[in-house]
Amino acid sequence: MMKINQTVLTEFILVGFSVYPHAQTFLFVAFFCLYLPTLTGNLTIMGLTWVDRHLHTPMYLFLSALSFSETCYTLTIIPKMLANLLAKDRSISSIGCGLQMCFFLGLGGTNCMILTLMGYDRFLAICNPLRYPLLMTNMVCGKLVAFAWIVGFIFSVIETALIFRGSFCNPNLVKHFFCHMRAVVRLSCLDSDLTEFIVTVMSVSGLMGTFLVIILTYVFILSTVLKIPSAEGKQKAFSTCASHLTVVIIHFGFASIVYLKPEASGGDDTVIAVPYTVITPFLSPLIFSLRNKDMKNAFRKALGKIFLE
């Protein structure tokens, strides 16, 4: 079925937080104060991994790849969101909207894949410690990261192409602070129910598929750790997984709220998306750096070199 008032739209209006006019300045300050340490934390992790040779191992290469992916992910939506909180013109071109959606979905998928690979890395290190140096080399790590990007963007391009394959109908109001697929697909002049169902199934399948693989790896890890006779050995094995497992719970927990929320449940999609798009990227570098002795030691060494010079 075609909707009435079909037209060729050249731009969309991101409604975002404009429905809370008196909170614009507060929200700008709050989000900016979260975004700055997010960007700084991820850049610090990438920089330390690059300059410190002790961190040139698969575990930290995966962490650096995750930090790079999350940096790109936040750059895709947060600067535009911050600008819109202060500007009266909240428009975005249809091409810009499509690119933003494509990169958001692609980088979100890449993050899920890299978190899965980090779980696989811990699985090999704990369950196959003797073969680990042979199975997980830096070269293999690089190929797996490239694979994660390819898979993430294959899904993204397909989903974006499905949503933008037809024209859109007025009003051109996207009820979100970025071009979220559900908010945009509802403006399609074509019957959007089928398209929305397909892209939602693709996103949920990717989300749940990677999460289940991570859970499976931790089942094997747990069974192996419980066989370690000493309490110190168990604690050491668990400590290498604690940061990753914490980030996984936060990442997939917040993501499931966004993608598994029933349509009839109501709620403001704009507010519901904040934890997944702003809070999760903020917490991730904090958890990985503050709970990691190697990262903290590398940071102290880097600061020592700076002050000595």
C-alpha atoms as a PDB file:
ATOM      1  CA  MET A   1       0.000   0.000   0.000  1.00  0.00           C
ATOM      2  CA  MET A   2       1.222   3.496  -0.894  1.00  0.00           C
ATOM      3  CA  LYS A   3       0.813   6.286   1.589  1.00  0.00           C
ATOM      4  CA  ILE A   4      -0.852   9.571   0.680  1.00  0.00           C
ATOM      5  CA  ASN A   5       1.162  12.798   0.222  1.00  0.00           C
ATOM      6  CA  GLN A   6       4.037  11.077  -1.572  1.00  0.00           C
ATOM      7  CA  THR A   7       6.925  13.402  -2.395  1.00  0.00           C
ATOM      8  CA  VAL A   8      10.661  13.328  -2.959  1.00  0.00           C
ATOM      9  CA  LEU A   9      12.251  14.524   0.281  1.00  0.00           C
ATOM     10  CA  THR A  10      15.722  16.058   0.098  1.00  0.00           C
ATOM     11  CA  GLU A  11      16.108  16.501   3.848  1.00  0.00           C
ATOM     12  CA  PHE A  12      14.802  15.356   7.209  1.00  0.00           C
ATOM     13  CA  ILE A  13      14.281  17.219  10.468  1.00  0.00           C
ATOM     14  CA  LEU A  14      15.733  15.497  13.527  1.00  0.00           C
ATOM     15  CA  VAL A  15      13.188  16.200  16.256  1.00  0.00           C
ATOM     16  CA  GLY A  16      15.452  14.755  18.951  1.00  0.00           C
ATOM     17  CA  PHE A  17      15.307  16.530  22.284  1.00  0.00           C
ATOM     18  CA  SER A  18      13.461  19.596  20.930  1.00  0.00           C
ATOM     19  CA  VAL A  19      10.383  18.209  22.705  1.00  0.00           C
ATOM     20  CA  TYR A  20      12.181  19.193  25.925  1.00  0.00           C
ATOM     21  CA  PRO A  21      12.881  22.893  25.121  1.00  0.00           C
ATOM     22  CA  HIS A  22      13.792  23.936  28.657  1.00  0.00           C
ATOM     23  CA  ALA A  23      16.355  21.151  29.037  1.00  0.00           C
ATOM     24  CA  GLN A  24      18.428  21.860  25.893  1.00  0.00           C
ATOM     25  CA  THR A  25      21.362  23.579  27.638  1.00  0.00           C
ATOM     26  CA  PHE A  26      21.446  21.066  30.479  1.00  0.00           C
ATOM     27  CA  LEU A  27      21.415  18.145  28.045  1.00  0.00           C
ATOM     28  CA  PHE A  28      24.194  19.720  25.962  1.00  0.00           C
ATOM     29  CA  VAL A  29      26.427  20.115  29.026  1.00  0.00           C
ATOM     30  CA  ALA A  30      25.618  16.609  30.302  1.00  0.00           C
ATOM     31  CA  PHE A  31      26.253  14.881  26.953  1.00  0.00           C
ATOM     32  CA  PHE A  32      29.381  16.942  26.260  1.00  0.00           C
ATOM     33  CA  CYS A  33      30.793  16.020  29.692  1.00  0.00           C
ATOM     34  CA  LEU A  34      30.200  12.345  28.851  1.00  0.00           C
ATOM     35  CA  TYR A  35      31.503  12.574  25.278  1.00  0.00           C
ATOM     36  CA  LEU A  36      34.813  14.289  26.071  1.00  0.00           C
ATOM     37  CA  PRO A  37      36.115  11.544  28.417  1.00  0.00           C
ATOM     38  CA  THR A  38      34.736   8.915  26.008  1.00  0.00           C
ATOM     39  CA  LEU A  39      36.831  10.338  23.177  1.00  0.00           C
ATOM     40  CA  THR A  40      39.852  10.900  25.428  1.00  0.00           C
ATOM     41  CA  GLY A  41      39.651   7.401  26.926  1.00  0.00           C
ATOM     42  CA  ASN A  42      39.446   5.635  23.579  1.00  0.00           C
ATOM     43  CA  LEU A  43      42.255   7.725  22.055  1.00  0.00           C
ATOM     44  CA  THR A  44      44.407   7.006  25.126  1.00  0.00           C
ATOM     45  CA  ILE A  45      43.854   3.250  24.801  1.00  0.00           C
ATOM     46  CA  MET A  46      44.760   3.370  21.097  1.00  0.00           C
ATOM     47  CA  GLY A  47      47.823   5.525  21.771  1.00  0.00           C
ATOM     48  CA  LEU A  48      49.136   3.352  24.609  1.00  0.00           C
ATOM     49  CA  THR A  49      48.629   0.173  22.581  1.00  0.00           C
ATOM     50  CA  TRP A  50      50.551   1.761  19.714  1.00  0.00           C
ATOM     51  CA  VAL A  51      53.584   3.042  21.698  1.00  0.00           C
ATOM     52  CA  ASP A  52      54.001   0.343  24.381  1.00  0.00           C
ATOM     53  CA  ARG A  53      55.508  -2.863  23.014  1.00  0.00           C
ATOM     54  CA  HIS A  54      54.281  -4.841  26.025  1.00  0.00           C
ATOM     55  CA  LEU A  55      50.734  -4.213  24.774  1.00  0.00           C
ATOM     56  CA  HIS A  56      51.430  -5.604  21.291  1.00  0.00           C
ATOM     57  CA  THR A  57      49.459  -8.761  22.055  1.00  0.00           C
ATOM     58  CA  PRO A  58      46.162  -9.987  20.570  1.00  0.00           C
ATOM     59  CA  MET A  59      44.167  -9.089  23.699  1.00  0.00           C
ATOM     60  CA  TYR A  60      45.228  -5.438  23.550  1.00  0.00           C
ATOM     61  CA  LEU A  61      45.070  -5.277  19.763  1.00  0.00           C
ATOM     62  CA  PHE A  62      41.413  -6.316  20.007  1.00  0.00           C
ATOM     63  CA  LEU A  63      40.903  -3.686  22.710  1.00  0.00           C
ATOM     64  CA  SER A  64      42.529  -1.033  20.513  1.00  0.00           C
ATOM     65  CA  ALA A  65      40.338  -2.106  17.572  1.00  0.00           C
ATOM     66  CA  LEU A  66      37.254  -1.801  19.795  1.00  0.00           C
ATOM     67  CA  SER A  67      38.343   1.674  20.919  1.00  0.00           C
ATOM     68  CA  PHE A  68      38.813   2.773  17.297  1.00  0.00           C
ATOM     69  CA  SER A  69      35.427   1.371  16.310  1.00  0.00           C
ATOM     70  CA  GLU A  70      33.703   3.048  19.271  1.00  0.00           C
ATOM     71  CA  THR A  71      35.419   6.357  18.488  1.00  0.00           C
ATOM     72  CA  CYS A  72      34.050   6.238  14.941  1.00  0.00           C
ATOM     73  CA  TYR A  73      30.667   5.100  16.291  1.00  0.00           C
ATOM     74  CA  THR A  74      30.321   8.091  18.624  1.00  0.00           C
ATOM     75  CA  LEU A  75      31.627  10.519  15.981  1.00  0.00           C
ATOM     76  CA  THR A  76      28.810   9.361  13.716  1.00  0.00           C
ATOM     77  CA  ILE A  77      26.010  10.636  15.961  1.00  0.00           C
ATOM     78  CA  ILE A  78      27.110  12.605  19.047  1.00  0.00           C
ATOM     79  CA  PRO A  79      28.653  15.752  17.416  1.00  0.00           C
ATOM     80  CA  LYS A  80      25.505  16.206  15.310  1.00  0.00           C
ATOM     81  CA  MET A  81      23.337  15.644  18.385  1.00  0.00           C
ATOM     82  CA  LEU A  82      25.299  18.234  20.373  1.00  0.00           C
ATOM     83  CA  ALA A  83      25.039  20.760  17.532  1.00  0.00           C
ATOM     84  CA  ASN A  84      21.269  20.218  17.267  1.00  0.00           C
ATOM     85  CA  LEU A  85      20.833  20.876  20.998  1.00  0.00           C
ATOM     86  CA  LEU A  86      22.085  24.441  20.425  1.00  0.00           C
ATOM     87  CA  ALA A  87      20.856  25.091  16.861  1.00  0.00           C
ATOM     88  CA  LYS A  88      17.410  26.017  15.621  1.00  0.00           C
ATOM     89  CA  ASP A  89      18.007  24.285  12.275  1.00  0.00           C
ATOM     90  CA  ARG A  90      17.963  20.532  12.954  1.00  0.00           C
ATOM     91  CA  SER A  91      17.836  19.421   9.330  1.00  0.00           C
ATOM     92  CA  ILE A  92      19.937  16.684   7.752  1.00  0.00           C
ATOM     93  CA  SER A  93      20.067  15.870   4.041  1.00  0.00           C
ATOM     94  CA  SER A  94      18.627  12.570   2.864  1.00  0.00           C
ATOM     95  CA  ILE A  95      22.102  11.486   1.725  1.00  0.00           C
ATOM     96  CA  GLY A  96      23.586  12.533   5.070  1.00  0.00           C
ATOM     97  CA  CYS A  97      20.823  10.659   6.867  1.00  0.00           C
ATOM     98  CA  GLY A  98      21.510   7.509   4.849  1.00  0.00           C
ATOM     99  CA  LEU A  99      25.253   7.732   5.509  1.00  0.00           C
ATOM    100  CA  GLN A 100      24.710   8.330   9.223  1.00  0.00           C
ATOM    101  CA  MET A 101      22.394   5.324   9.445  1.00  0.00           C
ATOM    102  CA  CYS A 102      24.789   3.122   7.465  1.00  0.00           C
ATOM    103  CA  PHE A 103      27.807   4.012   9.625  1.00  0.00           C
ATOM    104  CA  PHE A 104      25.836   3.771  12.868  1.00  0.00           C
ATOM    105  CA  LEU A 105      24.559   0.280  12.040  1.00  0.00           C
ATOM    106  CA  GLY A 106      27.882  -0.839  10.562  1.00  0.00           C
ATOM    107  CA  LEU A 107      29.965   0.348  13.505  1.00  0.00           C
ATOM    108  CA  GLY A 108      27.421  -0.983  16.006  1.00  0.00           C
ATOM    109  CA  GLY A 109      27.651  -4.390  14.322  1.00  0.00           C
ATOM    110  CA  THR A 110      31.451  -4.149  14.262  1.00  0.00           C
ATOM    111  CA  ASN A 111      31.493  -3.447  18.014  1.00  0.00           C
ATOM    112  CA  CYS A 112      29.395  -6.577  18.647  1.00  0.00           C
ATOM    113  CA  MET A 113      31.704  -8.661  16.461  1.00  0.00           C
ATOM    114  CA  ILE A 114      34.884  -7.364  18.144  1.00  0.00           C
ATOM    115  CA  LEU A 115      33.433  -8.046  21.611  1.00  0.00           C
ATOM    116  CA  THR A 116      32.722 -11.586  20.393  1.00  0.00           C
ATOM    117  CA  LEU A 117      36.294 -11.953  19.115  1.00  0.00           C
ATOM    118  CA  MET A 118      37.610 -10.714  22.472  1.00  0.00           C
ATOM    119  CA  GLY A 119      35.597 -13.477  24.156  1.00  0.00           C
ATOM    120  CA  TYR A 120      37.029 -16.009  21.689  1.00  0.00           C
ATOM    121  CA  ASP A 121      40.538 -14.721  22.458  1.00  0.00           C
ATOM    122  CA  ARG A 122      39.991 -15.258  26.210  1.00  0.00           C
ATOM    123  CA  PHE A 123      38.555 -18.718  25.467  1.00  0.00           C
ATOM    124  CA  LEU A 124      41.710 -19.747  23.582  1.00  0.00           C
ATOM    125  CA  ALA A 125      44.021 -18.227  26.208  1.00  0.00           C
ATOM    126  CA  ILE A 126      42.353 -20.030  29.129  1.00  0.00           C
ATOM    127  CA  CYS A 127      41.136 -23.273  27.559  1.00  0.00           C
ATOM    128  CA  ASN A 128      44.086 -23.841  25.172  1.00  0.00           C
ATOM    129  CA  PRO A 129      47.028 -22.014  26.806  1.00  0.00           C
ATOM    130  CA  LEU A 130      49.741 -24.137  25.159  1.00  0.00           C
ATOM    131  CA  ARG A 131      48.383 -23.673  21.633  1.00  0.00           C
ATOM    132  CA  TYR A 132      47.281 -20.071  22.167  1.00  0.00           C
ATOM    133  CA  PRO A 133      50.509 -18.439  20.823  1.00  0.00           C
ATOM    134  CA  LEU A 134      50.146 -20.478  17.624  1.00  0.00           C
ATOM    135  CA  LEU A 135      46.390 -20.041  17.182  1.00  0.00           C
ATOM    136  CA  MET A 136      46.130 -16.331  18.018  1.00  0.00           C
ATOM    137  CA  THR A 137      48.983 -14.419  16.427  1.00  0.00           C
ATOM    138  CA  ASN A 138      48.911 -10.685  15.730  1.00  0.00           C
ATOM    139  CA  MET A 139      48.383 -11.488  12.040  1.00  0.00           C
ATOM    140  CA  VAL A 140      45.354 -13.656  12.834  1.00  0.00           C
ATOM    141  CA  CYS A 141      44.083 -10.922  15.139  1.00  0.00           C
ATOM    142  CA  GLY A 142      44.280  -8.358  12.312  1.00  0.00           C
ATOM    143  CA  LYS A 143      42.418 -10.647   9.916  1.00  0.00           C
ATOM    144  CA  LEU A 144      39.666 -11.279  12.481  1.00  0.00           C
ATOM    145  CA  VAL A 145      39.228  -7.527  13.067  1.00  0.00           C
ATOM    146  CA  ALA A 146      38.980  -6.962   9.301  1.00  0.00           C
ATOM    147  CA  PHE A 147      36.377  -9.750   9.165  1.00  0.00           C
ATOM    148  CA  ALA A 148      34.404  -8.024  11.945  1.00  0.00           C
ATOM    149  CA  TRP A 149      34.300  -4.765   9.962  1.00  0.00           C
ATOM    150  CA  ILE A 150      33.256  -6.551   6.760  1.00  0.00           C
ATOM    151  CA  VAL A 151      30.413  -8.465   8.444  1.00  0.00           C
ATOM    152  CA  GLY A 152      29.213  -5.378  10.315  1.00  0.00           C
ATOM    153  CA  PHE A 153      29.004  -3.276   7.157  1.00  0.00           C
ATOM    154  CA  ILE A 154      27.467  -6.018   5.006  1.00  0.00           C
ATOM    155  CA  PHE A 155      24.493  -6.049   7.370  1.00  0.00           C
ATOM    156  CA  SER A 156      24.507  -2.257   7.515  1.00  0.00           C
ATOM    157  CA  VAL A 157      24.503  -1.691   3.752  1.00  0.00           C
ATOM    158  CA  ILE A 158      21.662  -4.190   3.242  1.00  0.00           C
ATOM    159  CA  GLU A 159      19.528  -2.622   5.987  1.00  0.00           C
ATOM    160  CA  THR A 160      20.147   0.937   4.788  1.00  0.00           C
ATOM    161  CA  ALA A 161      19.442  -0.004   1.155  1.00  0.00           C
ATOM    162  CA  LEU A 162      16.127  -1.612   2.175  1.00  0.00           C
ATOM    163  CA  ILE A 163      15.048   1.507   4.059  1.00  0.00           C
ATOM    164  CA  PHE A 164      16.116   4.012   1.383  1.00  0.00           C
ATOM    165  CA  ARG A 165      14.989   1.985  -1.654  1.00  0.00           C
ATOM    166  CA  GLY A 166      11.787   4.045  -2.055  1.00  0.00           C
ATOM    167  CA  SER A 167      10.709   7.645  -1.564  1.00  0.00           C
ATOM    168  CA  PHE A 168       9.549   9.228   1.686  1.00  0.00           C
ATOM    169  CA  CYS A 169       6.362  11.041   2.598  1.00  0.00           C
ATOM    170  CA  ASN A 170       5.739  14.268   4.491  1.00  0.00           C
ATOM    171  CA  PRO A 171       6.003  15.226   7.247  1.00  0.00           C
ATOM    172  CA  ASN A 172       9.770  14.765   7.165  1.00  0.00           C
ATOM    173  CA  LEU A 173      10.108  14.667  10.956  1.00  0.00           C
ATOM    174  CA  VAL A 174      12.438  11.969  12.297  1.00  0.00           C
ATOM    175  CA  LYS A 175      11.397  11.449  15.889  1.00  0.00           C
ATOM    176  CA  HIS A 176      14.903  10.788  17.129  1.00  0.00           C
ATOM    177  CA  PHE A 177      18.220  12.610  17.668  1.00  0.00           C
ATOM    178  CA  PHE A 178      19.837  10.708  14.788  1.00  0.00           C
ATOM    179  CA  CYS A 179      18.686   8.756  11.751  1.00  0.00           C
ATOM    180  CA  HIS A 180      17.603   5.651  13.617  1.00  0.00           C
ATOM    181  CA  MET A 181      16.319   2.974  11.254  1.00  0.00           C
ATOM    182  CA  ARG A 182      12.916   2.565  12.911  1.00  0.00           C
ATOM    183  CA  ALA A 183      12.272   6.306  13.010  1.00  0.00           C
ATOM    184  CA  VAL A 184      13.207   6.765   9.327  1.00  0.00           C
ATOM    185  CA  VAL A 185      11.503   3.673   7.893  1.00  0.00           C
ATOM    186  CA  ARG A 186       8.152   4.872   9.239  1.00  0.00           C
ATOM    187  CA  LEU A 187       8.365   7.855   6.866  1.00  0.00           C
ATOM    188  CA  SER A 188       8.577   5.603   3.804  1.00  0.00           C
ATOM    189  CA  CYS A 189       5.823   6.025   1.198  1.00  0.00           C
ATOM    190  CA  LEU A 190       5.858   2.254   0.719  1.00  0.00           C
ATOM    191  CA  ASP A 191       4.271  -0.094   3.220  1.00  0.00           C
ATOM    192  CA  SER A 192       6.935   0.207   5.919  1.00  0.00           C
ATOM    193  CA  ASP A 193       5.753  -2.658   8.153  1.00  0.00           C
ATOM    194  CA  LEU A 194       7.508  -5.377   6.143  1.00  0.00           C
ATOM    195  CA  THR A 195      10.715  -3.353   5.764  1.00  0.00           C
ATOM    196  CA  GLU A 196      10.756  -2.510   9.461  1.00  0.00           C
ATOM    197  CA  PHE A 197      10.208  -6.176  10.315  1.00  0.00           C
ATOM    198  CA  ILE A 198      13.081  -7.314   8.048  1.00  0.00           C
ATOM    199  CA  VAL A 199      15.650  -4.781   9.294  1.00  0.00           C
ATOM    200  CA  THR A 200      14.620  -5.379  12.912  1.00  0.00           C
ATOM    201  CA  VAL A 201      15.002  -9.156  12.482  1.00  0.00           C
ATOM    202  CA  MET A 202      18.450  -8.618  10.907  1.00  0.00           C
ATOM    203  CA  SER A 203      19.580  -6.359  13.770  1.00  0.00           C
ATOM    204  CA  VAL A 204      18.170  -8.604  16.496  1.00  0.00           C
ATOM    205  CA  SER A 205      19.682 -11.706  14.845  1.00  0.00           C
ATOM    206  CA  GLY A 206      23.116 -10.080  14.748  1.00  0.00           C
ATOM    207  CA  LEU A 207      22.772  -8.846  18.315  1.00  0.00           C
ATOM    208  CA  MET A 208      21.519 -12.117  19.794  1.00  0.00           C
ATOM    209  CA  GLY A 209      23.811 -14.260  17.639  1.00  0.00           C
ATOM    210  CA  THR A 210      26.982 -12.554  18.853  1.00  0.00           C
ATOM    211  CA  PHE A 211      25.719 -12.492  22.445  1.00  0.00           C
ATOM    212  CA  LEU A 212      24.984 -16.235  22.414  1.00  0.00           C
ATOM    213  CA  VAL A 213      28.459 -16.982  21.031  1.00  0.00           C
ATOM    214  CA  ILE A 214      29.989 -14.934  23.874  1.00  0.00           C
ATOM    215  CA  ILE A 215      27.850 -16.794  26.439  1.00  0.00           C
ATOM    216  CA  LEU A 216      28.979 -20.109  24.940  1.00  0.00           C
ATOM    217  CA  THR A 217      32.660 -19.129  25.180  1.00  0.00           C
ATOM    218  CA  TYR A 218      32.195 -18.188  28.832  1.00  0.00           C
ATOM    219  CA  VAL A 219      30.518 -21.517  29.573  1.00  0.00           C
ATOM    220  CA  PHE A 220      33.700 -23.256  28.340  1.00  0.00           C
ATOM    221  CA  ILE A 221      35.897 -20.741  30.190  1.00  0.00           C
ATOM    222  CA  LEU A 222      33.986 -21.290  33.430  1.00  0.00           C
ATOM    223  CA  SER A 223      34.209 -25.069  33.153  1.00  0.00           C
ATOM    224  CA  THR A 224      37.973 -24.820  32.585  1.00  0.00           C
ATOM    225  CA  VAL A 225      38.575 -22.325  35.422  1.00  0.00           C
ATOM    226  CA  LEU A 226      36.644 -24.461  37.921  1.00  0.00           C
ATOM    227  CA  LYS A 227      39.096 -27.299  37.228  1.00  0.00           C
ATOM    228  CA  ILE A 228      42.070 -25.165  38.298  1.00  0.00           C
ATOM    229  CA  PRO A 229      43.107 -26.497  41.746  1.00  0.00           C
ATOM    230  CA  SER A 230      44.429 -23.294  43.339  1.00  0.00           C
ATOM    231  CA  ALA A 231      42.238 -20.343  44.326  1.00  0.00           C
ATOM    232  CA  GLU A 232      44.963 -17.976  43.123  1.00  0.00           C
ATOM    233  CA  GLY A 233      44.924 -19.591  39.679  1.00  0.00           C
ATOM    234  CA  LYS A 234      41.159 -19.270  39.459  1.00  0.00           C
ATOM    235  CA  GLN A 235      41.276 -15.611  40.489  1.00  0.00           C
ATOM    236  CA  LYS A 236      44.008 -14.848  37.928  1.00  0.00           C
ATOM    237  CA  ALA A 237      42.012 -16.513  35.124  1.00  0.00           C
ATOM    238  CA  PHE A 238      38.795 -14.712  36.059  1.00  0.00           C
ATOM    239  CA  SER A 239      40.588 -11.352  36.366  1.00  0.00           C
ATOM    240  CA  THR A 240      41.557 -11.451  32.678  1.00  0.00           C
ATOM    241  CA  CYS A 241      37.866 -11.779  31.754  1.00  0.00           C
ATOM    242  CA  ALA A 242      36.243  -9.438  34.287  1.00  0.00           C
ATOM    243  CA  SER A 243      36.497  -6.213  32.258  1.00  0.00           C
ATOM    244  CA  HIS A 244      35.321  -7.848  29.048  1.00  0.00           C
ATOM    245  CA  LEU A 245      32.389  -9.561  30.715  1.00  0.00           C
ATOM    246  CA  THR A 246      31.321  -6.308  32.411  1.00  0.00           C
ATOM    247  CA  VAL A 247      31.353  -4.400  29.106  1.00  0.00           C
ATOM    248  CA  VAL A 248      29.472  -7.231  27.369  1.00  0.00           C
ATOM    249  CA  ILE A 249      26.682  -7.124  29.968  1.00  0.00           C
ATOM    250  CA  ILE A 250      26.380  -3.329  29.699  1.00  0.00           C
ATOM    251  CA  HIS A 251      26.633  -3.258  25.893  1.00  0.00           C
ATOM    252  CA  PHE A 252      24.163  -6.030  25.115  1.00  0.00           C
ATOM    253  CA  GLY A 253      21.894  -5.109  28.029  1.00  0.00           C
ATOM    254  CA  PHE A 254      21.348  -1.549  26.809  1.00  0.00           C
ATOM    255  CA  ALA A 255      21.179  -2.656  23.155  1.00  0.00           C
ATOM    256  CA  SER A 256      18.479  -5.206  23.915  1.00  0.00           C
ATOM    257  CA  ILE A 257      16.327  -2.476  25.487  1.00  0.00           C
ATOM    258  CA  VAL A 258      16.450  -0.558  22.191  1.00  0.00           C
ATOM    259  CA  TYR A 259      15.962  -3.442  19.751  1.00  0.00           C
ATOM    260  CA  LEU A 260      13.797  -5.851  21.744  1.00  0.00           C
ATOM    261  CA  LYS A 261      11.354  -3.235  23.072  1.00  0.00           C
ATOM    262  CA  PRO A 262       7.801  -4.113  21.916  1.00  0.00           C
ATOM    263  CA  GLU A 263       6.070  -1.434  19.850  1.00  0.00           C
ATOM    264  CA  ALA A 264       3.045  -1.407  22.152  1.00  0.00           C
ATOM    265  CA  SER A 265       5.144  -0.771  25.252  1.00  0.00           C
ATOM    266  CA  GLY A 266       5.345   2.961  24.540  1.00  0.00           C
ATOM    267  CA  GLY A 267       8.139   5.138  25.908  1.00  0.00           C
ATOM    268  CA  ASP A 268      10.251   7.830  24.279  1.00  0.00           C
ATOM    269  CA  ASP A 269      12.629   6.140  21.805  1.00  0.00           C
ATOM    270  CA  THR A 270      14.927   9.164  21.980  1.00  0.00           C
ATOM    271  CA  VAL A 271      15.472   8.796  25.733  1.00  0.00           C
ATOM    272  CA  ILE A 272      15.643   4.993  25.562  1.00  0.00           C
ATOM    273  CA  ALA A 273      18.503   5.198  23.011  1.00  0.00           C
ATOM    274  CA  VAL A 274      20.715   7.411  25.225  1.00  0.00           C
ATOM    275  CA  PRO A 275      22.194   4.565  27.353  1.00  0.00           C
ATOM    276  CA  TYR A 276      23.169   2.574  24.237  1.00  0.00           C
ATOM    277  CA  THR A 277      24.576   5.499  22.234  1.00  0.00           C
ATOM    278  CA  VAL A 278      26.109   7.698  24.961  1.00  0.00           C
ATOM    279  CA  ILE A 279      26.472   5.820  28.276  1.00  0.00           C
ATOM    280  CA  THR A 280      27.884   2.530  26.936  1.00  0.00           C
ATOM    281  CA  PRO A 281      30.724   4.164  24.919  1.00  0.00           C
ATOM    282  CA  PHE A 282      31.510   6.304  27.994  1.00  0.00           C
ATOM    283  CA  LEU A 283      31.765   3.322  30.362  1.00  0.00           C
ATOM    284  CA  SER A 284      33.660   0.983  28.035  1.00  0.00           C
ATOM    285  CA  PRO A 285      37.112   2.679  28.047  1.00  0.00           C
ATOM    286  CA  LEU A 286      36.793   3.408  31.784  1.00  0.00           C
ATOM    287  CA  ILE A 287      36.157  -0.245  32.617  1.00  0.00           C
ATOM    288  CA  PHE A 288      38.895  -1.584  30.334  1.00  0.00           C
ATOM    289  CA  SER A 289      41.508   0.885  31.574  1.00  0.00           C
ATOM    290  CA  LEU A 290      40.726   1.177  35.287  1.00  0.00           C
ATOM    291  CA  ARG A 291      40.487  -2.596  35.806  1.00  0.00           C
ATOM    292  CA  ASN A 292      43.630  -3.392  33.798  1.00  0.00           C
ATOM    293  CA  LYS A 293      47.078  -3.371  35.445  1.00  0.00           C
ATOM    294  CA  ASP A 294      48.986  -3.498  32.141  1.00  0.00           C
ATOM    295  CA  MET A 295      47.086  -0.496  30.787  1.00  0.00           C
ATOM    296  CA  LYS A 296      47.626   1.494  34.004  1.00  0.00           C
ATOM    297  CA  ASN A 297      51.352   0.644  33.994  1.00  0.00           C
ATOM    298  CA  ALA A 298      51.664   1.702  30.363  1.00  0.00           C
ATOM    299  CA  PHE A 299      49.916   4.972  31.211  1.00  0.00           C
ATOM    300  CA  ARG A 300      52.317   5.656  34.100  1.00  0.00           C
ATOM    301  CA  LYS A 301      55.326   4.911  31.854  1.00  0.00           C
ATOM    302  CA  ALA A 302      54.005   7.249  29.176  1.00  0.00           C
ATOM    303  CA  LEU A 303      53.455  10.037  31.723  1.00  0.00           C
ATOM    304  CA  GLY A 304      56.949   9.437  33.145  1.00  0.00           C
ATOM    305  CA  LYS A 305      58.527   9.853  29.695  1.00  0.00           C
ATOM    306  CA  ILE A 306      56.551  13.058  29.093  1.00  0.00           C
ATOM    307  CA  PHE A 307      57.635  14.641  32.395  1.00  0.00           C
ATOM    308  CA  LEU A 308      61.235  13.526  32.031  1.00  0.00           C
ATOM    309  CA  GLU A 309      61.443  15.188  28.635  1.00  0.00           C
END
